[in-house]
């Protein structure tokens, strides 16, 4: 049994033993059938409202496994690095905040909702999770595709401008955002949109070898010439895939803007 699976079992066990814990929802790779020895474990812990203010998340998680580090990241998630080097992400919320689960439908990828319900004292969690069972996000629409293209153009012009200014490190940071939108276009082309929010996840297995090799040319280090080459490749590669999507979904795209940016990066 994986260390992660042992910790998951301990979280479930401790939830049932703690009077203030009302429900535990697990998310991430272990609910999608892709968890392995390198995966994180991720949970929403819902606490009875009257117990929430006095509830100590650190003390509770310490009952699962000793940890080296506890921090609150930039998204407000409590992160624990356990002594076995497994990362755990925990959201501790009062029961009255449980309806937040229904907003997760926008992610659009919940292959096993039942696996997400780790502990449910009053069957309330199951009711909220049931909303996710039939959540389907339409990615392959002209409106959705045009939104990705517009975000792509916004990100790539920003990245090119800071590169031209001489901010090489910042341009490398911007490149990640351009790559994200490009990969979403690739996933639309290949109908592999499950990992939409994090399009690099399982990329090696989920897109064609040809598109993966093309994507490799769109990556870079901090070398200015390599960065310029990556941005140029992203312009040519995105123009090609957008052309294919345009033919399939009958929407218009701004060919001129692609060419203007190709010319602009050369100046």
Protein backbone atom coordinates (compact mmCIF):
# COMPACT_ATOMS: atom_id res chain seq x y z
CA UNK A 1 0.00 0.00 0.00
CA UNK A 2 1.28 3.46 -0.91
CA UNK A 3 2.21 5.88 1.85
CA UNK A 4 -0.45 8.22 0.47
CA UNK A 5 -3.11 5.51 0.74
CA UNK A 6 -2.13 4.88 4.35
CA UNK A 7 -2.50 8.59 5.11
CA UNK A 8 -5.87 8.72 3.36
CA UNK A 9 -7.11 5.86 5.50
CA UNK A 10 -5.85 7.67 8.61
CA UNK A 11 -7.65 10.88 7.59
CA UNK A 12 -10.89 8.93 7.15
CA UNK A 13 -10.42 7.14 10.48
CA UNK A 14 -9.59 10.31 12.39
CA UNK A 15 -12.56 12.11 10.86
CA UNK A 16 -14.93 9.51 12.24
CA UNK A 17 -13.30 9.75 15.67
CA UNK A 18 -13.41 13.55 15.94
CA UNK A 19 -16.79 14.90 17.19
CA UNK A 20 -16.34 18.29 15.52
CA UNK A 21 -15.70 16.87 12.05
CA UNK A 22 -18.86 16.68 9.97
CA UNK A 23 -17.54 15.57 6.57
CA UNK A 24 -14.34 15.01 4.60
CA UNK A 25 -14.12 15.45 0.87
CA UNK A 26 -11.05 14.23 -0.98
CA UNK A 27 -10.05 15.57 -4.39
CA UNK A 28 -7.10 15.25 -6.75
CA UNK A 29 -5.40 12.29 -8.37
CA UNK A 30 -6.55 9.64 -5.88
CA UNK A 31 -10.16 10.34 -6.84
CA UNK A 32 -9.28 10.18 -10.54
CA UNK A 33 -7.55 6.80 -10.52
CA UNK A 34 -4.13 8.31 -11.25
CA UNK A 35 -2.61 8.63 -7.78
CA UNK A 36 0.88 7.21 -7.39
CA UNK A 37 3.91 7.33 -5.09
CA UNK A 38 4.61 10.93 -6.10
CA UNK A 39 1.11 12.34 -5.67
CA UNK A 40 -0.16 14.78 -3.08
CA UNK A 41 -3.18 14.08 -0.89
CA UNK A 42 -5.87 16.75 -0.86
CA UNK A 43 -8.95 17.29 1.30
CA UNK A 44 -11.75 19.58 2.35
CA UNK A 45 -12.51 19.09 6.05
CA UNK A 46 -15.89 20.48 7.12
CA UNK A 47 -16.19 21.33 10.80
CA UNK A 48 -19.39 21.80 12.80
CA UNK A 49 -20.05 25.53 13.05
CA UNK A 50 -20.00 25.58 16.85
CA UNK A 51 -16.61 23.82 16.90
CA UNK A 52 -14.98 25.68 14.02
CA UNK A 53 -13.45 28.63 15.89
CA UNK A 54 -11.77 26.45 18.50
CA UNK A 55 -10.72 23.72 16.06
CA UNK A 56 -6.93 23.37 15.71
CA UNK A 57 -6.03 22.20 12.24
CA UNK A 58 -2.37 21.66 13.16
CA UNK A 59 -3.22 19.51 16.15
CA UNK A 60 -5.71 17.49 14.12
CA UNK A 61 -3.31 16.85 11.23
CA UNK A 62 -0.59 15.89 13.71
CA UNK A 63 -2.85 12.98 14.63
CA UNK A 64 -2.54 11.74 11.07
CA UNK A 65 1.23 11.84 10.76
CA UNK A 66 4.09 13.95 12.15
CA UNK A 67 5.06 16.76 9.80
CA UNK A 68 8.03 19.00 9.15
CA UNK A 69 6.25 22.07 7.85
CA UNK A 70 2.83 23.67 8.06
CA UNK A 71 2.08 26.70 5.89
CA UNK A 72 -0.78 28.61 4.36
CA UNK A 73 -0.10 29.10 0.66
CA UNK A 74 -1.13 32.01 -1.56
CA UNK A 75 -4.53 30.39 -2.20
CA UNK A 76 -5.34 30.08 1.51
CA UNK A 77 -4.77 26.32 1.51
CA UNK A 78 -3.08 24.75 4.53
CA UNK A 79 -0.17 22.67 3.29
CA UNK A 80 1.67 20.07 5.35
CA UNK A 81 4.94 18.37 4.45
CA UNK A 82 4.86 15.09 6.35
CA UNK A 83 7.87 13.25 7.71
CA UNK A 84 7.47 10.66 4.94
CA UNK A 85 7.81 13.54 2.40
CA UNK A 86 4.23 13.31 1.22
CA UNK A 87 2.56 16.70 0.66
CA UNK A 88 -0.92 17.21 2.02
CA UNK A 89 -3.29 20.03 1.12
CA UNK A 90 -6.13 20.73 3.54
CA UNK A 91 -9.02 23.18 3.45
CA UNK A 92 -10.77 23.52 6.82
CA UNK A 93 -14.21 25.11 6.51
CA UNK A 94 -17.38 25.37 8.62
CA UNK A 95 -20.29 23.18 7.56
CA UNK A 96 -22.26 26.24 6.45
CA UNK A 97 -19.65 26.70 3.69
CA UNK A 98 -20.27 23.23 2.25
CA UNK A 99 -22.29 24.59 -0.72
CA UNK A 100 -18.93 25.79 -2.12
CA UNK A 101 -18.59 22.24 -3.48
CA UNK A 102 -21.21 22.95 -6.12
CA UNK A 103 -19.06 25.75 -7.55
CA UNK A 104 -16.39 23.19 -8.43
CA UNK A 105 -18.52 22.15 -11.42
CA UNK A 106 -16.60 24.71 -13.47
CA UNK A 107 -13.58 22.40 -13.38
CA UNK A 108 -15.60 19.87 -15.34
CA UNK A 109 -13.60 16.71 -14.57
CA UNK A 110 -14.95 14.40 -11.85
CA UNK A 111 -14.57 10.81 -13.03
CA UNK A 112 -15.48 9.29 -9.64
CA UNK A 113 -17.57 11.52 -7.39
CA UNK A 114 -18.14 8.65 -4.94
CA UNK A 115 -14.39 8.43 -4.30
CA UNK A 116 -14.45 12.08 -3.23
CA UNK A 117 -16.71 11.32 -0.26
CA UNK A 118 -14.31 10.09 2.40
CA UNK A 119 -16.48 10.71 5.47
CA UNK A 120 -20.03 12.04 5.70
CA UNK A 121 -21.61 12.18 9.14
CA UNK A 122 -25.09 13.31 8.04
CA UNK A 123 -25.06 12.48 4.30
CA UNK A 124 -24.96 16.20 3.57
CA UNK A 125 -21.70 15.94 1.64
CA UNK A 126 -23.19 13.38 -0.73
CA UNK A 127 -26.02 15.77 -1.56
CA UNK A 128 -23.60 18.51 -2.61
CA UNK A 129 -21.37 16.07 -4.50
CA UNK A 130 -24.36 14.81 -6.47
CA UNK A 131 -24.41 18.16 -8.28
CA UNK A 132 -20.97 17.37 -9.71
CA UNK A 133 -21.98 13.99 -11.13
CA UNK A 134 -23.61 15.50 -14.18
CA UNK A 135 -21.41 18.55 -14.54
CA UNK A 136 -20.33 18.91 -18.15
CA UNK A 137 -18.40 21.92 -19.38
CA UNK A 138 -18.65 22.61 -23.10
CA UNK A 139 -15.07 23.24 -24.18
CA UNK A 140 -15.53 22.57 -27.89
CA UNK A 141 -17.59 25.62 -28.76
CA UNK A 142 -16.68 28.64 -30.85
CA UNK A 143 -17.18 30.91 -27.84
CA UNK A 144 -14.89 28.83 -25.62
CA UNK A 145 -12.20 28.54 -28.28
CA UNK A 146 -12.27 32.26 -29.03
CA UNK A 147 -11.81 32.96 -25.32
CA UNK A 148 -8.67 30.78 -25.24
CA UNK A 149 -7.31 32.49 -28.36
CA UNK A 150 -7.89 35.96 -26.91
CA UNK A 151 -6.12 35.00 -23.68
CA UNK A 152 -3.30 33.55 -25.74
CA UNK A 153 -2.85 36.81 -27.68
CA UNK A 154 -2.93 38.84 -24.47
CA UNK A 155 -0.29 36.66 -22.81
CA UNK A 156 2.06 36.43 -25.77
CA UNK A 157 2.13 40.18 -26.46
CA UNK A 158 2.89 40.81 -22.79
CA UNK A 159 5.71 38.25 -22.86
CA UNK A 160 7.22 39.60 -26.07
CA UNK A 161 7.13 43.18 -24.78
CA UNK A 162 8.98 42.40 -21.55
CA UNK A 163 11.50 40.36 -23.55
CA UNK A 164 12.11 43.34 -25.82
CA UNK A 165 12.53 45.53 -22.74
CA UNK A 166 15.32 43.25 -21.57
CA UNK A 167 13.43 41.60 -18.68
CA UNK A 168 14.46 38.09 -19.61
CA UNK A 169 13.44 36.45 -16.33
CA UNK A 170 10.00 38.04 -16.43
CA UNK A 171 9.57 37.01 -20.04
CA UNK A 172 10.31 33.41 -19.08
CA UNK A 173 7.59 33.64 -16.44
CA UNK A 174 5.15 35.02 -19.04
CA UNK A 175 6.03 32.16 -21.37
CA UNK A 176 4.32 29.72 -19.00
CA UNK A 177 0.98 31.48 -19.47
CA UNK A 178 1.34 31.47 -23.26
CA UNK A 179 2.17 27.76 -23.17
CA UNK A 180 -0.91 27.11 -21.02
CA UNK A 181 -3.28 28.61 -23.58
CA UNK A 182 -1.45 26.95 -26.45
CA UNK A 183 -1.80 23.57 -24.76
CA UNK A 184 -5.50 24.18 -24.22
CA UNK A 185 -5.79 24.75 -27.98
CA UNK A 186 -3.91 21.49 -28.59
CA UNK A 187 -6.23 19.67 -26.20
CA UNK A 188 -9.22 21.09 -28.05
CA UNK A 189 -7.76 19.88 -31.34
CA UNK A 190 -7.15 16.39 -29.97
CA UNK A 191 -10.33 16.18 -27.83
CA UNK A 192 -8.37 15.57 -24.63
CA UNK A 193 -9.81 18.32 -22.43
CA UNK A 194 -10.19 16.47 -19.12
CA UNK A 195 -7.11 18.14 -17.66
CA UNK A 196 -8.17 21.59 -18.79
CA UNK A 197 -7.30 23.66 -15.73
CA UNK A 198 -3.80 22.13 -15.54
CA UNK A 199 -3.13 21.31 -19.21
CA UNK A 200 0.40 20.00 -18.60
CA UNK A 201 -0.93 17.23 -16.33
CA UNK A 202 -0.41 13.81 -17.95
CA UNK A 203 0.54 15.65 -21.13
CA UNK A 204 3.03 13.00 -22.21
CA UNK A 205 0.27 10.38 -22.31
CA UNK A 206 -2.66 12.49 -23.46
CA UNK A 207 -1.49 14.27 -26.63
CA UNK A 208 0.11 12.95 -29.79
CA UNK A 209 3.86 12.51 -30.06
CA UNK A 210 3.94 15.06 -32.89
CA UNK A 211 2.22 17.75 -30.83
CA UNK A 212 4.37 16.94 -27.82
CA UNK A 213 7.54 17.37 -29.89
CA UNK A 214 6.16 20.65 -31.24
CA UNK A 215 5.49 21.81 -27.67
CA UNK A 216 9.09 21.01 -26.70
CA UNK A 217 10.22 23.63 -29.22
CA UNK A 218 8.01 26.15 -27.40
CA UNK A 219 9.99 25.84 -24.17
CA UNK A 220 13.05 27.79 -23.11
CA UNK A 221 15.62 28.66 -20.48
CA UNK A 222 16.81 32.16 -19.53
CA UNK A 223 18.83 32.61 -22.70
CA UNK A 224 17.40 35.58 -24.60
CA UNK A 225 17.80 33.98 -28.02
CA UNK A 226 16.17 30.76 -26.85
CA UNK A 227 13.27 32.73 -25.41
CA UNK A 228 12.76 34.58 -28.67
CA UNK A 229 12.79 31.26 -30.53
CA UNK A 230 10.20 29.81 -28.14
CA UNK A 231 7.87 32.77 -28.61
CA UNK A 232 8.25 32.57 -32.39
CA UNK A 233 7.51 28.85 -32.34
CA UNK A 234 4.42 29.49 -30.22
CA UNK A 235 3.18 31.98 -32.79
CA UNK A 236 3.63 29.60 -35.73
CA UNK A 237 2.33 26.56 -33.81
CA UNK A 238 -0.73 28.34 -32.43
CA UNK A 239 -1.59 29.82 -35.84
CA UNK A 240 -1.53 26.31 -37.28
CA UNK A 241 -3.77 24.75 -34.64
CA UNK A 242 -6.18 27.70 -34.62
CA UNK A 243 -6.53 27.29 -38.37
CA UNK A 244 -7.51 23.65 -37.89
CA UNK A 245 -9.99 24.51 -35.14
CA UNK A 246 -11.46 27.29 -37.26
CA UNK A 247 -12.19 24.87 -40.08
CA UNK A 248 -13.81 22.43 -37.67
CA UNK A 249 -15.91 24.85 -35.58
CA UNK A 250 -16.54 27.64 -38.11
CA UNK A 251 -15.33 30.70 -36.28
CA UNK A 252 -13.15 33.57 -37.45
CA UNK A 253 -9.74 34.35 -36.05
CA UNK A 254 -7.39 37.25 -36.63
CA UNK A 255 -4.74 35.93 -39.01
CA UNK A 256 -3.36 39.46 -39.33
CA UNK A 257 -2.60 39.68 -35.61
CA UNK A 258 -0.56 36.47 -35.80
CA UNK A 259 1.48 37.92 -38.64
CA UNK A 260 1.88 41.30 -36.92
CA UNK A 261 3.28 39.58 -33.83
CA UNK A 262 5.61 37.39 -35.92
CA UNK A 263 6.97 40.51 -37.59
CA UNK A 264 7.07 42.40 -34.28
CA UNK A 265 9.26 39.86 -32.49
CA UNK A 266 11.80 40.07 -35.30
CA UNK A 267 12.25 43.85 -34.96
